[in-house]
Amino acid sequence: PDAYAIVHPEHSGADYPFKHLAGCGVAFKLATALLEEV
């Protein structure tokens, strides 16, 4: 889709080291980035 941003562990535009996150894992990564800590 022509979204503003696509955050996905398998996206070919970035070589993320771990491809098997669940949706909540991706959401957690977004939360970590937003709040600047785990």
PDB file of all heavy atoms in Angstrom:
ATOM      1  N   PRO A   1       0.830  -1.212   0.000  1.00  0.00           N
ATOM      2  CA  PRO A   1       0.000   0.000   0.000  1.00  0.00           C
ATOM      3  C   PRO A   1       0.862   1.258   0.000  1.00  0.00           C
ATOM      4  O   PRO A   1       2.009   1.239   0.453  1.00  0.00           O
ATOM      5  CB  PRO A   1      -0.797  -0.131   1.308  1.00  0.00           C
ATOM      6  CG  PRO A   1       0.050  -0.993   2.191  1.00  0.00           C
ATOM      7  CD  PRO A   1       0.713  -1.967   1.276  1.00  0.00           C
ATOM      8  N   ASP A   2       0.283   2.326  -0.491  1.00  0.00           N
ATOM      9  CA  ASP A   2       0.996   3.605  -0.551  1.00  0.00           C
ATOM     10  C   ASP A   2       0.819   4.328   0.786  1.00  0.00           C
ATOM     11  O   ASP A   2       0.222   5.411   0.853  1.00  0.00           O
ATOM     12  CB  ASP A   2       0.462   4.447  -1.708  1.00  0.00           C
ATOM     13  CG  ASP A   2       1.273   5.725  -1.907  1.00  0.00           C
ATOM     14  OD1 ASP A   2       2.445   5.753  -1.468  1.00  0.00           O
ATOM     15  OD2 ASP A   2       0.730   6.692  -2.469  1.00  0.00           O
ATOM     16  N   ALA A   3       1.325   3.711   1.852  1.00  0.00           N
ATOM     17  CA  ALA A   3       1.186   4.270   3.193  1.00  0.00           C
ATOM     18  C   ALA A   3       2.277   5.292   3.467  1.00  0.00           C
ATOM     19  O   ALA A   3       3.306   5.319   2.781  1.00  0.00           O
ATOM     20  CB  ALA A   3       1.245   3.143   4.225  1.00  0.00           C
ATOM     21  N   TYR A   4       2.075   6.106   4.494  1.00  0.00           N
ATOM     22  CA  TYR A   4       3.088   7.089   4.875  1.00  0.00           C
ATOM     23  C   TYR A   4       4.358   6.387   5.328  1.00  0.00           C
ATOM     24  O   TYR A   4       5.476   6.819   5.027  1.00  0.00           O
ATOM     25  CB  TYR A   4       2.547   7.980   5.989  1.00  0.00           C
ATOM     26  CG  TYR A   4       3.498   9.088   6.377  1.00  0.00           C
ATOM     27  CD1 TYR A   4       3.485  10.302   5.710  1.00  0.00           C
ATOM     28  CD2 TYR A   4       4.425   8.903   7.406  1.00  0.00           C
ATOM     29  CE1 TYR A   4       4.372  11.319   6.042  1.00  0.00           C
ATOM     30  CE2 TYR A   4       5.311   9.921   7.749  1.00  0.00           C
ATOM     31  CZ  TYR A   4       5.286  11.112   7.067  1.00  0.00           C
ATOM     32  OH  TYR A   4       6.163  12.106   7.388  1.00  0.00           O
ATOM     33  N   ALA A   5       4.185   5.282   6.053  1.00  0.00           N
ATOM     34  CA  ALA A   5       5.331   4.494   6.512  1.00  0.00           C
ATOM     35  C   ALA A   5       4.891   3.042   6.663  1.00  0.00           C
ATOM     36  O   ALA A   5       3.739   2.773   7.020  1.00  0.00           O
ATOM     37  CB  ALA A   5       5.860   5.021   7.840  1.00  0.00           C
ATOM     38  N   ILE A   6       5.809   2.129   6.377  1.00  0.00           N
ATOM     39  CA  ILE A   6       5.545   0.699   6.573  1.00  0.00           C
ATOM     40  C   ILE A   6       6.662   0.130   7.431  1.00  0.00           C
ATOM     41  O   ILE A   6       7.814   0.029   6.998  1.00  0.00           O
ATOM     42  CB  ILE A   6       5.463  -0.056   5.231  1.00  0.00           C
ATOM     43  CG1 ILE A   6       4.307   0.478   4.373  1.00  0.00           C
ATOM     44  CG2 ILE A   6       5.287  -1.560   5.485  1.00  0.00           C
ATOM     45  CD1 ILE A   6       4.183  -0.185   3.018  1.00  0.00           C
ATOM     46  N   VAL A   7       6.309  -0.224   8.661  1.00  0.00           N
ATOM     47  CA  VAL A   7       7.272  -0.798   9.603  1.00  0.00           C
ATOM     48  C   VAL A   7       7.031  -2.306   9.640  1.00  0.00           C
ATOM     49  O   VAL A   7       6.011  -2.768  10.156  1.00  0.00           O
ATOM     50  CB  VAL A   7       7.113  -0.177  11.004  1.00  0.00           C
ATOM     51  CG1 VAL A   7       8.153  -0.761  11.963  1.00  0.00           C
ATOM     52  CG2 VAL A   7       7.230   1.341  10.939  1.00  0.00           C
ATOM     53  N   HIS A   8       7.975  -3.050   9.093  1.00  0.00           N
ATOM     54  CA  HIS A   8       7.801  -4.499   8.918  1.00  0.00           C
ATOM     55  C   HIS A   8       9.172  -5.164   8.931  1.00  0.00           C
ATOM     56  O   HIS A   8      10.081  -4.728   8.221  1.00  0.00           O
ATOM     57  CB  HIS A   8       7.090  -4.765   7.589  1.00  0.00           C
ATOM     58  CG  HIS A   8       6.555  -6.150   7.429  1.00  0.00           C
ATOM     59  ND1 HIS A   8       7.362  -7.270   7.447  1.00  0.00           N
ATOM     60  CD2 HIS A   8       5.283  -6.611   7.252  1.00  0.00           C
ATOM     61  CE1 HIS A   8       6.621  -8.339   7.288  1.00  0.00           C
ATOM     62  NE2 HIS A   8       5.355  -7.972   7.168  1.00  0.00           N
ATOM     63  N   PRO A   9       9.349  -6.231   9.738  1.00  0.00           N
ATOM     64  CA  PRO A   9      10.678  -6.853   9.840  1.00  0.00           C
ATOM     65  C   PRO A   9      11.174  -7.519   8.559  1.00  0.00           C
ATOM     66  O   PRO A   9      12.374  -7.753   8.416  1.00  0.00           O
ATOM     67  CB  PRO A   9      10.506  -7.888  10.967  1.00  0.00           C
ATOM     68  CG  PRO A   9       9.038  -8.146  11.030  1.00  0.00           C
ATOM     69  CD  PRO A   9       8.375  -6.860  10.660  1.00  0.00           C
ATOM     70  N   GLU A  10      10.277  -7.806   7.623  1.00  0.00           N
ATOM     71  CA  GLU A  10      10.684  -8.473   6.390  1.00  0.00           C
ATOM     72  C   GLU A  10      10.776  -7.517   5.203  1.00  0.00           C
ATOM     73  O   GLU A  10      11.022  -7.955   4.074  1.00  0.00           O
ATOM     74  CB  GLU A  10       9.710  -9.607   6.053  1.00  0.00           C
ATOM     75  CG  GLU A  10       9.716 -10.757   7.063  1.00  0.00           C
ATOM     76  CD  GLU A  10       8.770 -11.867   6.661  1.00  0.00           C
ATOM     77  OE1 GLU A  10       8.411 -11.954   5.464  1.00  0.00           O
ATOM     78  OE2 GLU A  10       8.374 -12.656   7.541  1.00  0.00           O
ATOM     79  N   HIS A  11      10.571  -6.254   5.433  1.00  0.00           N
ATOM     80  CA  HIS A  11      10.587  -5.295   4.325  1.00  0.00           C
ATOM     81  C   HIS A  11      11.960  -5.301   3.658  1.00  0.00           C
ATOM     82  O   HIS A  11      13.000  -5.215   4.330  1.00  0.00           O
ATOM     83  CB  HIS A  11      10.247  -3.897   4.828  1.00  0.00           C
ATOM     84  CG  HIS A  11       9.817  -2.959   3.761  1.00  0.00           C
ATOM     85  ND1 HIS A  11      10.677  -2.489   2.781  1.00  0.00           N
ATOM     86  CD2 HIS A  11       8.608  -2.390   3.498  1.00  0.00           C
ATOM     87  CE1 HIS A  11      10.029  -1.688   1.976  1.00  0.00           C
ATOM     88  NE2 HIS A  11       8.771  -1.597   2.379  1.00  0.00           N
ATOM     89  N   SER A  12      11.962  -5.373   2.334  1.00  0.00           N
ATOM     90  CA  SER A  12      13.222  -5.456   1.588  1.00  0.00           C
ATOM     91  C   SER A  12      14.017  -4.159   1.626  1.00  0.00           C
ATOM     92  O   SER A  12      15.204  -4.144   1.303  1.00  0.00           O
ATOM     93  CB  SER A  12      12.933  -5.834   0.126  1.00  0.00           C
ATOM     94  OG  SER A  12      12.096  -4.856  -0.490  1.00  0.00           O
ATOM     95  N   GLY A  13      13.366  -3.091   2.052  1.00  0.00           N
ATOM     96  CA  GLY A  13      14.050  -1.808   2.114  1.00  0.00           C
ATOM     97  C   GLY A  13      14.977  -1.655   3.298  1.00  0.00           C
ATOM     98  O   GLY A  13      15.674  -0.652   3.419  1.00  0.00           O
ATOM     99  N   ALA A  14      14.969  -2.643   4.185  1.00  0.00           N
ATOM    100  CA  ALA A  14      15.859  -2.621   5.353  1.00  0.00           C
ATOM    101  C   ALA A  14      16.193  -4.064   5.718  1.00  0.00           C
ATOM    102  O   ALA A  14      15.345  -4.950   5.615  1.00  0.00           O
ATOM    103  CB  ALA A  14      15.203  -1.912   6.530  1.00  0.00           C
ATOM    104  N   ASP A  15      17.404  -4.286   6.123  1.00  0.00           N
ATOM    105  CA  ASP A  15      17.821  -5.651   6.461  1.00  0.00           C
ATOM    106  C   ASP A  15      17.760  -5.849   7.971  1.00  0.00           C
ATOM    107  O   ASP A  15      18.782  -5.892   8.655  1.00  0.00           O
ATOM    108  CB  ASP A  15      19.250  -5.903   5.944  1.00  0.00           C
ATOM    109  CG  ASP A  15      19.661  -7.361   6.106  1.00  0.00           C
ATOM    110  OD1 ASP A  15      18.764  -8.210   6.263  1.00  0.00           O
ATOM    111  OD2 ASP A  15      20.873  -7.647   6.077  1.00  0.00           O
ATOM    112  N   TYR A  16      16.538  -5.959   8.497  1.00  0.00           N
ATOM    113  CA  TYR A  16      16.392  -6.146   9.936  1.00  0.00           C
ATOM    114  C   TYR A  16      16.895  -7.540  10.316  1.00  0.00           C
ATOM    115  O   TYR A  16      16.549  -8.527   9.665  1.00  0.00           O
ATOM    116  CB  TYR A  16      14.933  -5.968  10.350  1.00  0.00           C
ATOM    117  CG  TYR A  16      14.759  -5.880  11.848  1.00  0.00           C
ATOM    118  CD1 TYR A  16      15.201  -4.768  12.548  1.00  0.00           C
ATOM    119  CD2 TYR A  16      14.188  -6.922  12.572  1.00  0.00           C
ATOM    120  CE1 TYR A  16      15.073  -4.676  13.917  1.00  0.00           C
ATOM    121  CE2 TYR A  16      14.055  -6.844  13.943  1.00  0.00           C
ATOM    122  CZ  TYR A  16      14.497  -5.722  14.614  1.00  0.00           C
ATOM    123  OH  TYR A  16      14.382  -5.641  15.983  1.00  0.00           O
ATOM    124  N   PRO A  17      17.689  -7.654  11.381  1.00  0.00           N
ATOM    125  CA  PRO A  17      18.352  -8.928  11.701  1.00  0.00           C
ATOM    126  C   PRO A  17      17.415 -10.077  12.069  1.00  0.00           C
ATOM    127  O   PRO A  17      17.787 -11.233  11.898  1.00  0.00           O
ATOM    128  CB  PRO A  17      19.245  -8.566  12.905  1.00  0.00           C
ATOM    129  CG  PRO A  17      19.431  -7.093  12.823  1.00  0.00           C
ATOM    130  CD  PRO A  17      18.151  -6.570  12.260  1.00  0.00           C
ATOM    131  N   PHE A  18      16.227  -9.783  12.587  1.00  0.00           N
ATOM    132  CA  PHE A  18      15.304 -10.848  13.000  1.00  0.00           C
ATOM    133  C   PHE A  18      13.979 -10.666  12.281  1.00  0.00           C
ATOM    134  O   PHE A  18      13.309  -9.644  12.444  1.00  0.00           O
ATOM    135  CB  PHE A  18      15.098 -10.824  14.521  1.00  0.00           C
ATOM    136  CG  PHE A  18      14.280 -11.974  15.034  1.00  0.00           C
ATOM    137  CD1 PHE A  18      14.804 -13.260  15.061  1.00  0.00           C
ATOM    138  CD2 PHE A  18      12.984 -11.772  15.490  1.00  0.00           C
ATOM    139  CE1 PHE A  18      14.050 -14.329  15.531  1.00  0.00           C
ATOM    140  CE2 PHE A  18      12.214 -12.841  15.962  1.00  0.00           C
ATOM    141  CZ  PHE A  18      12.763 -14.117  15.985  1.00  0.00           C
ATOM    142  N   LYS A  19      13.591 -11.653  11.485  1.00  0.00           N
ATOM    143  CA  LYS A  19      12.438 -11.508  10.598  1.00  0.00           C
ATOM    144  C   LYS A  19      11.128 -12.019  11.196  1.00  0.00           C
ATOM    145  O   LYS A  19      10.082 -11.907  10.551  1.00  0.00           O
ATOM    146  CB  LYS A  19      12.692 -12.281   9.287  1.00  0.00           C
ATOM    147  CG  LYS A  19      14.034 -12.026   8.636  1.00  0.00           C
ATOM    148  CD  LYS A  19      14.201 -10.612   8.162  1.00  0.00           C
ATOM    149  CE  LYS A  19      15.525 -10.422   7.416  1.00  0.00           C
ATOM    150  NZ  LYS A  19      15.765  -9.012   7.060  1.00  0.00           N
ATOM    151  N   HIS A  20      11.142 -12.608  12.385  1.00  0.00           N
ATOM    152  CA  HIS A  20       9.994 -13.389  12.849  1.00  0.00           C
ATOM    153  C   HIS A  20       9.223 -12.760  14.007  1.00  0.00           C
ATOM    154  O   HIS A  20       8.565 -13.470  14.775  1.00  0.00           O
ATOM    155  CB  HIS A  20      10.458 -14.793  13.240  1.00  0.00           C
ATOM    156  CG  HIS A  20      11.287 -15.462  12.195  1.00  0.00           C
ATOM    157  ND1 HIS A  20      10.783 -15.787  10.946  1.00  0.00           N
ATOM    158  CD2 HIS A  20      12.587 -15.840  12.189  1.00  0.00           C
ATOM    159  CE1 HIS A  20      11.742 -16.356  10.227  1.00  0.00           C
ATOM    160  NE2 HIS A  20      12.838 -16.391  10.954  1.00  0.00           N
ATOM    161  N   LEU A  21       9.302 -11.452  14.168  1.00  0.00           N
ATOM    162  CA  LEU A  21       8.525 -10.786  15.203  1.00  0.00           C
ATOM    163  C   LEU A  21       7.027 -10.977  14.976  1.00  0.00           C
ATOM    164  O   LEU A  21       6.563 -11.030  13.840  1.00  0.00           O
ATOM    165  CB  LEU A  21       8.832  -9.292  15.217  1.00  0.00           C
ATOM    166  CG  LEU A  21      10.220  -8.850  15.706  1.00  0.00           C
ATOM    167  CD1 LEU A  21      10.405  -7.368  15.417  1.00  0.00           C
ATOM    168  CD2 LEU A  21      10.411  -9.151  17.180  1.00  0.00           C
ATOM    169  N   ALA A  22       6.282 -11.095  16.065  1.00  0.00           N
ATOM    170  CA  ALA A  22       4.825 -11.059  15.962  1.00  0.00           C
ATOM    171  C   ALA A  22       4.398  -9.601  15.810  1.00  0.00           C
ATOM    172  O   ALA A  22       5.220  -8.677  15.920  1.00  0.00           O
ATOM    173  CB  ALA A  22       4.207 -11.674  17.215  1.00  0.00           C
ATOM    174  N   GLY A  23       3.122  -9.380  15.584  1.00  0.00           N
ATOM    175  CA  GLY A  23       2.644  -8.008  15.463  1.00  0.00           C
ATOM    176  C   GLY A  23       2.917  -7.206  16.719  1.00  0.00           C
ATOM    177  O   GLY A  23       3.289  -6.028  16.654  1.00  0.00           O
ATOM    178  N   CYS A  24       2.761  -7.859  17.883  1.00  0.00           N
ATOM    179  CA  CYS A  24       3.018  -7.158  19.148  1.00  0.00           C
ATOM    180  C   CYS A  24       4.503  -6.860  19.311  1.00  0.00           C
ATOM    181  O   CYS A  24       4.866  -5.878  19.976  1.00  0.00           O
ATOM    182  CB  CYS A  24       2.501  -7.984  20.322  1.00  0.00           C
ATOM    183  SG  CYS A  24       3.246  -9.616  20.469  1.00  0.00           S
ATOM    184  N   GLY A  25       5.365  -7.688  18.706  1.00  0.00           N
ATOM    185  CA  GLY A  25       6.795  -7.416  18.739  1.00  0.00           C
ATOM    186  C   GLY A  25       7.130  -6.164  17.952  1.00  0.00           C
ATOM    187  O   GLY A  25       7.948  -5.340  18.380  1.00  0.00           O
ATOM    188  N   VAL A  26       6.491  -5.998  16.804  1.00  0.00           N
ATOM    189  CA  VAL A  26       6.700  -4.796  15.987  1.00  0.00           C
ATOM    190  C   VAL A  26       6.144  -3.573  16.720  1.00  0.00           C
ATOM    191  O   VAL A  26       6.765  -2.503  16.746  1.00  0.00           O
ATOM    192  CB  VAL A  26       6.034  -4.946  14.608  1.00  0.00           C
ATOM    193  CG1 VAL A  26       6.269  -3.699  13.754  1.00  0.00           C
ATOM    194  CG2 VAL A  26       6.563  -6.184  13.879  1.00  0.00           C
ATOM    195  N   ALA A  27       4.974  -3.743  17.339  1.00  0.00           N
ATOM    196  CA  ALA A  27       4.381  -2.654  18.117  1.00  0.00           C
ATOM    197  C   ALA A  27       5.299  -2.260  19.275  1.00  0.00           C
ATOM    198  O   ALA A  27       5.462  -1.072  19.588  1.00  0.00           O
ATOM    199  CB  ALA A  27       3.011  -3.082  18.649  1.00  0.00           C
ATOM    200  N   PHE A  28       5.902  -3.252  19.906  1.00  0.00           N
ATOM    201  CA  PHE A  28       6.827  -2.996  21.014  1.00  0.00           C
ATOM    202  C   PHE A  28       8.055  -2.226  20.525  1.00  0.00           C
ATOM    203  O   PHE A  28       8.557  -1.342  21.215  1.00  0.00           O
ATOM    204  CB  PHE A  28       7.251  -4.321  21.640  1.00  0.00           C
ATOM    205  CG  PHE A  28       8.221  -4.165  22.785  1.00  0.00           C
ATOM    206  CD1 PHE A  28       7.787  -3.730  24.025  1.00  0.00           C
ATOM    207  CD2 PHE A  28       9.566  -4.459  22.621  1.00  0.00           C
ATOM    208  CE1 PHE A  28       8.680  -3.577  25.085  1.00  0.00           C
ATOM    209  CE2 PHE A  28      10.467  -4.308  23.668  1.00  0.00           C
ATOM    210  CZ  PHE A  28      10.021  -3.864  24.908  1.00  0.00           C
ATOM    211  N   LYS A  29       8.526  -2.560  19.342  1.00  0.00           N
ATOM    212  CA  LYS A  29       9.659  -1.842  18.770  1.00  0.00           C
ATOM    213  C   LYS A  29       9.293  -0.373  18.521  1.00  0.00           C
ATOM    214  O   LYS A  29      10.106   0.535  18.748  1.00  0.00           O
ATOM    215  CB  LYS A  29      10.096  -2.511  17.462  1.00  0.00           C
ATOM    216  CG  LYS A  29      10.774  -3.851  17.651  1.00  0.00           C
ATOM    217  CD  LYS A  29      12.118  -3.662  18.307  1.00  0.00           C
ATOM    218  CE  LYS A  29      12.850  -4.958  18.496  1.00  0.00           C
ATOM    219  NZ  LYS A  29      14.198  -4.758  19.059  1.00  0.00           N
ATOM    220  N   LEU A  30       8.077  -0.137  18.059  1.00  0.00           N
ATOM    221  CA  LEU A  30       7.624   1.241  17.847  1.00  0.00           C
ATOM    222  C   LEU A  30       7.554   1.979  19.185  1.00  0.00           C
ATOM    223  O   LEU A  30       8.005   3.126  19.292  1.00  0.00           O
ATOM    224  CB  LEU A  30       6.254   1.244  17.166  1.00  0.00           C
ATOM    225  CG  LEU A  30       5.604   2.626  16.958  1.00  0.00           C
ATOM    226  CD1 LEU A  30       6.474   3.508  16.071  1.00  0.00           C
ATOM    227  CD2 LEU A  30       4.201   2.480  16.371  1.00  0.00           C
ATOM    228  N   ALA A  31       7.026   1.309  20.205  1.00  0.00           N
ATOM    229  CA  ALA A  31       6.946   1.922  21.533  1.00  0.00           C
ATOM    230  C   ALA A  31       8.335   2.236  22.074  1.00  0.00           C
ATOM    231  O   ALA A  31       8.563   3.302  22.672  1.00  0.00           O
ATOM    232  CB  ALA A  31       6.199   0.988  22.490  1.00  0.00           C
ATOM    233  N   THR A  32       9.270   1.323  21.868  1.00  0.00           N
ATOM    234  CA  THR A  32      10.647   1.529  22.327  1.00  0.00           C
ATOM    235  C   THR A  32      11.274   2.737  21.643  1.00  0.00           C
ATOM    236  O   THR A  32      11.943   3.564  22.279  1.00  0.00           O
ATOM    237  CB  THR A  32      11.496   0.279  22.053  1.00  0.00           C
ATOM    238  OG1 THR A  32      10.948  -0.830  22.777  1.00  0.00           O
ATOM    239  CG2 THR A  32      12.941   0.477  22.480  1.00  0.00           C
ATOM    240  N   ALA A  33      11.051   2.855  20.331  1.00  0.00           N
ATOM    241  CA  ALA A  33      11.602   3.993  19.587  1.00  0.00           C
ATOM    242  C   ALA A  33      10.970   5.305  20.039  1.00  0.00           C
ATOM    243  O   ALA A  33      11.659   6.308  20.221  1.00  0.00           O
ATOM    244  CB  ALA A  33      11.393   3.784  18.085  1.00  0.00           C
ATOM    245  N   LEU A  34       9.667   5.295  20.234  1.00  0.00           N
ATOM    246  CA  LEU A  34       8.965   6.513  20.640  1.00  0.00           C
ATOM    247  C   LEU A  34       9.400   6.991  22.024  1.00  0.00           C
ATOM    248  O   LEU A  34       9.576   8.182  22.261  1.00  0.00           O
ATOM    249  CB  LEU A  34       7.450   6.276  20.642  1.00  0.00           C
ATOM    250  CG  LEU A  34       6.759   6.262  19.271  1.00  0.00           C
ATOM    251  CD1 LEU A  34       5.347   5.728  19.413  1.00  0.00           C
ATOM    252  CD2 LEU A  34       6.731   7.662  18.666  1.00  0.00           C
ATOM    253  N   LEU A  35       9.577   6.027  22.947  1.00  0.00           N
ATOM    254  CA  LEU A  35       9.890   6.377  24.332  1.00  0.00           C
ATOM    255  C   LEU A  35      11.386   6.308  24.629  1.00  0.00           C
ATOM    256  O   LEU A  35      11.812   6.543  25.764  1.00  0.00           O
ATOM    257  CB  LEU A  35       9.112   5.465  25.273  1.00  0.00           C
ATOM    258  CG  LEU A  35       7.586   5.632  25.164  1.00  0.00           C
ATOM    259  CD1 LEU A  35       6.863   4.537  25.940  1.00  0.00           C
ATOM    260  CD2 LEU A  35       7.155   7.004  25.672  1.00  0.00           C
ATOM    261  N   GLU A  36      12.160   5.942  23.614  1.00  0.00           N
ATOM    262  CA  GLU A  36      13.629   6.006  23.659  1.00  0.00           C
ATOM    263  C   GLU A  36      14.270   5.061  24.667  1.00  0.00           C
ATOM    264  O   GLU A  36      15.403   5.281  25.082  1.00  0.00           O
ATOM    265  CB  GLU A  36      14.081   7.452  23.904  1.00  0.00           C
ATOM    266  CG  GLU A  36      13.600   8.411  22.827  1.00  0.00           C
ATOM    267  CD  GLU A  36      14.066   9.838  23.056  1.00  0.00           C
ATOM    268  OE1 GLU A  36      14.420  10.167  24.212  1.00  0.00           O
ATOM    269  OE2 GLU A  36      14.064  10.614  22.097  1.00  0.00           O
ATOM    270  N   GLU A  37      13.560   4.010  25.065  1.00  0.00           N
ATOM    271  CA  GLU A  37      14.148   2.979  25.908  1.00  0.00           C
ATOM    272  C   GLU A  37      13.249   1.750  25.902  1.00  0.00           C
ATOM    273  O   GLU A  37      12.056   1.841  25.580  1.00  0.00           O
ATOM    274  CB  GLU A  37      14.349   3.476  27.342  1.00  0.00           C
ATOM    275  CG  GLU A  37      13.085   3.839  28.071  1.00  0.00           C
ATOM    276  CD  GLU A  37      13.368   4.324  29.491  1.00  0.00           C
ATOM    277  OE1 GLU A  37      14.532   4.210  29.927  1.00  0.00           O
ATOM    278  OE2 GLU A  37      12.441   4.808  30.143  1.00  0.00           O
ATOM    279  N   VAL A  38      13.826   0.611  26.246  1.00  0.00           N
ATOM    280  CA  VAL A  38      13.062  -0.641  26.277  1.00  0.00           C
ATOM    281  C   VAL A  38      11.984  -0.537  27.348  1.00  0.00           C
ATOM    282  O   VAL A  38      12.275  -0.260  28.516  1.00  0.00           O
ATOM    283  CB  VAL A  38      13.988  -1.839  26.569  1.00  0.00           C
ATOM    284  CG1 VAL A  38      13.168  -3.112  26.738  1.00  0.00           C
ATOM    285  CG2 VAL A  38      14.998  -2.008  25.442  1.00  0.00           C
TER     286      VAL A  38
END
